Amino acid sequence: MSFHNYSQLVTPHPNKQYVTGKEIATGGLLPDAIYSQALDTLVIACVDILPVHGERILLGRRSWEPQQDWWCFGGRMRKGELYQIAAQRNALRELFCDTEKIEIDPDRFTLIGIYNLLWDTRAQAPTENGCHMISITMMLPLTENEIPFLCPNEEYHDVQWALPDEITSRADIYHPCLIQMIRDASTQRGFY
């Protein structure tokens, strides 16, 4: 039996993340047919983002399944990424159309919570097979200089700024998980 000296082998990172050994290269994307098979058998890790500015939170109205309604921004995590690196990549892609005018320090993201989502639909065929996702949700405080560059990508057909209580008091129109995310973000940020 071999024993490891973990103090030299493991690098701890914020939010209970640990890298054992050397950091590994970031993974790529699967072809659609293989990703569809993966959705039928695996739980997908996503890093989602709640952008905040002042007292308001930015929501996007998604055009794609599994949530064609108001939701946060974000997407899949790739092999080899820490939460905040995936959040940075997803924020640049989904909120700022990959513009080179915006740089976001990964340390600006704050973990809100981790949510287990079982959807009965998905964007990939066969759409009725649904999917299972874990949402690692991060909060991103936006600066005054970043606001003019907001440009959500093609996944969203509308956006809105809202106060937390405007969302949490409307269980009739917002997904219960989104409401919980907003409550958790509000507790951390001190909105209430």
Protein backbone atom coordinates (compact mmCIF):
# COMPACT_ATOMS: atom_id res chain seq x y z
CA MET A 1 0.00 0.00 0.00
CA SER A 2 1.38 3.40 -0.92
CA PHE A 3 0.72 6.62 0.95
CA HIS A 4 0.76 10.10 -0.53
CA ASN A 5 1.95 13.29 1.06
CA TYR A 6 -1.19 15.26 0.18
CA SER A 7 0.19 18.51 1.54
CA GLN A 8 2.55 18.51 -1.44
CA LEU A 9 0.20 16.85 -3.91
CA VAL A 10 -3.07 18.79 -3.53
CA THR A 11 -3.61 22.48 -4.26
CA PRO A 12 -6.67 23.91 -2.50
CA HIS A 13 -8.67 26.64 -4.23
CA PRO A 14 -11.60 28.79 -3.06
CA ASN A 15 -15.06 27.25 -2.70
CA LYS A 16 -13.91 23.76 -1.66
CA GLN A 17 -12.13 23.03 -4.92
CA TYR A 18 -9.03 20.84 -4.94
CA VAL A 19 -6.54 20.04 -7.69
CA THR A 20 -4.63 16.82 -7.08
CA GLY A 21 -1.31 16.68 -8.87
CA LYS A 22 -0.65 18.98 -11.78
CA GLU A 23 -3.47 21.00 -13.32
CA ILE A 24 -4.91 19.32 -16.38
CA ALA A 25 -5.64 20.82 -19.77
CA THR A 26 -9.11 22.15 -20.39
CA GLY A 27 -11.33 19.78 -22.33
CA GLY A 28 -13.05 20.59 -25.60
CA LEU A 29 -16.61 20.09 -26.79
CA LEU A 30 -18.18 16.83 -27.96
CA PRO A 31 -19.81 16.50 -31.39
CA ASP A 32 -23.60 16.96 -31.16
CA ALA A 33 -24.46 13.26 -31.59
CA ILE A 34 -22.08 12.18 -28.84
CA TYR A 35 -23.15 15.04 -26.55
CA SER A 36 -26.75 13.94 -27.02
CA GLN A 37 -25.75 10.45 -25.85
CA ALA A 38 -23.92 11.98 -22.89
CA LEU A 39 -27.08 13.86 -21.92
CA ASP A 40 -28.91 10.54 -21.84
CA THR A 41 -26.44 9.04 -19.36
CA LEU A 42 -24.47 11.70 -17.47
CA VAL A 43 -25.12 14.58 -15.12
CA ILE A 44 -23.76 17.77 -16.71
CA ALA A 45 -21.98 20.37 -14.56
CA CYS A 46 -22.81 23.96 -15.44
CA VAL A 47 -21.45 27.19 -14.02
CA ASP A 48 -24.19 29.79 -14.03
CA ILE A 49 -23.90 33.51 -13.34
CA LEU A 50 -26.11 36.10 -11.69
CA PRO A 51 -24.79 39.51 -12.76
CA VAL A 52 -25.51 42.24 -10.22
CA HIS A 53 -25.16 46.00 -10.35
CA GLY A 54 -26.11 48.05 -7.33
CA GLU A 55 -29.26 46.49 -5.94
CA ARG A 56 -30.38 44.93 -9.23
CA ILE A 57 -29.87 41.52 -10.80
CA LEU A 58 -29.74 40.90 -14.56
CA LEU A 59 -31.89 38.06 -15.88
CA GLY A 60 -32.03 36.70 -19.41
CA ARG A 61 -35.04 35.24 -21.18
CA ARG A 62 -33.70 32.14 -22.87
CA SER A 63 -34.60 31.09 -26.38
CA TRP A 64 -33.39 27.52 -25.92
CA GLU A 65 -34.48 24.54 -23.87
CA PRO A 66 -34.36 23.33 -21.22
CA GLN A 67 -35.52 26.67 -19.78
CA GLN A 68 -37.19 28.86 -22.40
CA ASP A 69 -38.02 31.55 -19.89
CA TRP A 70 -36.31 33.89 -17.42
CA TRP A 71 -33.07 32.43 -16.11
CA CYS A 72 -29.49 33.27 -15.21
CA PHE A 73 -26.58 33.18 -17.66
CA GLY A 74 -23.90 30.52 -17.98
CA GLY A 75 -23.20 27.12 -19.39
CA ARG A 76 -21.26 23.91 -19.23
CA MET A 77 -18.11 23.54 -17.23
CA ARG A 78 -15.19 22.00 -19.08
CA LYS A 79 -12.76 19.39 -17.82
CA GLY A 80 -9.89 21.07 -15.99
CA GLU A 81 -11.75 24.27 -15.03
CA LEU A 82 -12.22 25.73 -11.60
CA TYR A 83 -15.66 27.28 -11.00
CA GLN A 84 -14.46 30.86 -11.40
CA ILE A 85 -12.57 30.11 -14.64
CA ALA A 86 -15.68 28.51 -16.15
CA ALA A 87 -17.72 31.48 -14.91
CA GLN A 88 -15.29 33.92 -16.53
CA ARG A 89 -15.41 32.07 -19.86
CA ASN A 90 -19.21 31.76 -19.76
CA ALA A 91 -19.68 35.43 -18.77
CA LEU A 92 -17.54 36.66 -21.66
CA ARG A 93 -19.38 34.40 -24.13
CA GLU A 94 -22.96 34.90 -22.90
CA LEU A 95 -22.95 38.43 -21.49
CA PHE A 96 -20.39 40.28 -23.58
CA CYS A 97 -20.44 38.46 -26.97
CA ASP A 98 -16.76 37.55 -26.50
CA THR A 99 -15.72 41.18 -26.89
CA GLU A 100 -12.04 41.87 -26.28
CA LYS A 101 -12.94 45.18 -24.61
CA ILE A 102 -13.93 43.44 -21.37
CA GLU A 103 -11.62 41.59 -19.01
CA ILE A 104 -13.09 39.90 -15.97
CA ASP A 105 -10.87 38.79 -13.13
CA PRO A 106 -11.99 35.29 -12.06
CA ASP A 107 -11.63 36.33 -8.41
CA ARG A 108 -14.63 38.69 -8.80
CA PHE A 109 -17.05 35.74 -8.83
CA THR A 110 -18.65 34.63 -5.56
CA LEU A 111 -20.21 31.21 -5.12
CA ILE A 112 -23.93 31.49 -4.35
CA GLY A 113 -24.84 27.82 -4.24
CA ILE A 114 -25.08 24.49 -6.01
CA TYR A 115 -28.46 23.41 -7.40
CA ASN A 116 -29.65 20.06 -8.76
CA LEU A 117 -31.86 20.45 -11.86
CA LEU A 118 -33.72 17.64 -13.60
CA TRP A 119 -35.29 18.95 -16.81
CA ASP A 120 -37.87 17.12 -18.94
CA THR A 121 -36.64 18.81 -22.14
CA ARG A 122 -33.34 19.87 -23.66
CA ALA A 123 -32.07 21.74 -26.72
CA GLN A 124 -30.40 18.66 -28.26
CA ALA A 125 -32.33 15.94 -30.06
CA PRO A 126 -34.20 14.02 -28.90
CA THR A 127 -35.48 17.03 -26.96
CA GLU A 128 -38.07 15.03 -25.00
CA ASN A 129 -35.31 12.95 -23.32
CA GLY A 130 -34.54 15.84 -20.98
CA CYS A 131 -31.33 16.26 -19.04
CA HIS A 132 -29.87 16.39 -15.55
CA MET A 133 -27.65 19.33 -14.63
CA ILE A 134 -25.84 20.57 -11.57
CA SER A 135 -25.75 24.37 -11.53
CA ILE A 136 -22.80 25.85 -9.69
CA THR A 137 -24.12 29.40 -9.48
CA MET A 138 -21.81 32.38 -9.09
CA MET A 139 -22.54 36.07 -8.55
CA LEU A 140 -20.68 38.66 -10.64
CA PRO A 141 -20.77 42.31 -9.54
CA LEU A 142 -20.61 44.39 -12.73
CA THR A 143 -18.80 47.71 -12.88
CA GLU A 144 -20.24 50.91 -14.30
CA ASN A 145 -17.76 50.61 -17.22
CA GLU A 146 -18.99 47.09 -18.12
CA ILE A 147 -22.71 47.93 -18.35
CA PRO A 148 -22.53 49.59 -21.83
CA PHE A 149 -20.82 46.47 -23.24
CA LEU A 150 -23.53 44.02 -22.16
CA CYS A 151 -24.49 42.03 -25.24
CA PRO A 152 -26.16 38.71 -24.42
CA ASN A 153 -25.57 36.04 -27.06
CA GLU A 154 -28.12 34.22 -29.25
CA GLU A 155 -29.36 32.05 -26.37
CA TYR A 156 -31.31 35.03 -25.01
CA HIS A 157 -34.01 37.09 -26.69
CA ASP A 158 -34.63 39.50 -23.83
CA VAL A 159 -32.99 40.76 -20.65
CA GLN A 160 -34.26 42.62 -17.62
CA TRP A 161 -32.80 44.24 -14.53
CA ALA A 162 -34.84 43.48 -11.43
CA LEU A 163 -34.67 44.03 -7.71
CA PRO A 164 -34.46 40.77 -5.74
CA ASP A 165 -37.92 41.13 -4.19
CA GLU A 166 -39.43 41.70 -7.64
CA ILE A 167 -38.27 38.19 -8.49
CA THR A 168 -38.77 36.36 -5.21
CA SER A 169 -42.32 37.66 -4.80
CA ARG A 170 -43.38 36.29 -8.22
CA ALA A 171 -43.44 32.52 -7.82
CA ASP A 172 -46.13 32.50 -10.51
CA ILE A 173 -43.72 33.54 -13.27
CA TYR A 174 -40.21 32.57 -12.15
CA HIS A 175 -38.78 29.05 -11.80
CA PRO A 176 -38.47 28.00 -8.12
CA CYS A 177 -34.74 27.37 -8.53
CA LEU A 178 -34.19 30.89 -9.88
CA ILE A 179 -36.08 32.27 -6.90
CA GLN A 180 -33.87 30.24 -4.54
CA MET A 181 -30.73 31.45 -6.34
CA ILE A 182 -31.89 35.06 -5.89
CA ARG A 183 -32.65 34.45 -2.19
CA ASP A 184 -29.21 32.93 -1.68
CA ALA A 185 -27.50 35.77 -3.57
CA SER A 186 -29.50 38.33 -1.59
CA THR A 187 -28.43 36.82 1.71
CA GLN A 188 -24.76 36.95 0.69
CA ARG A 189 -24.92 40.42 -0.81
CA GLY A 190 -27.11 41.87 1.91
CA PHE A 191 -29.96 43.02 -0.36
CA TYR A 192 -32.50 42.38 2.41
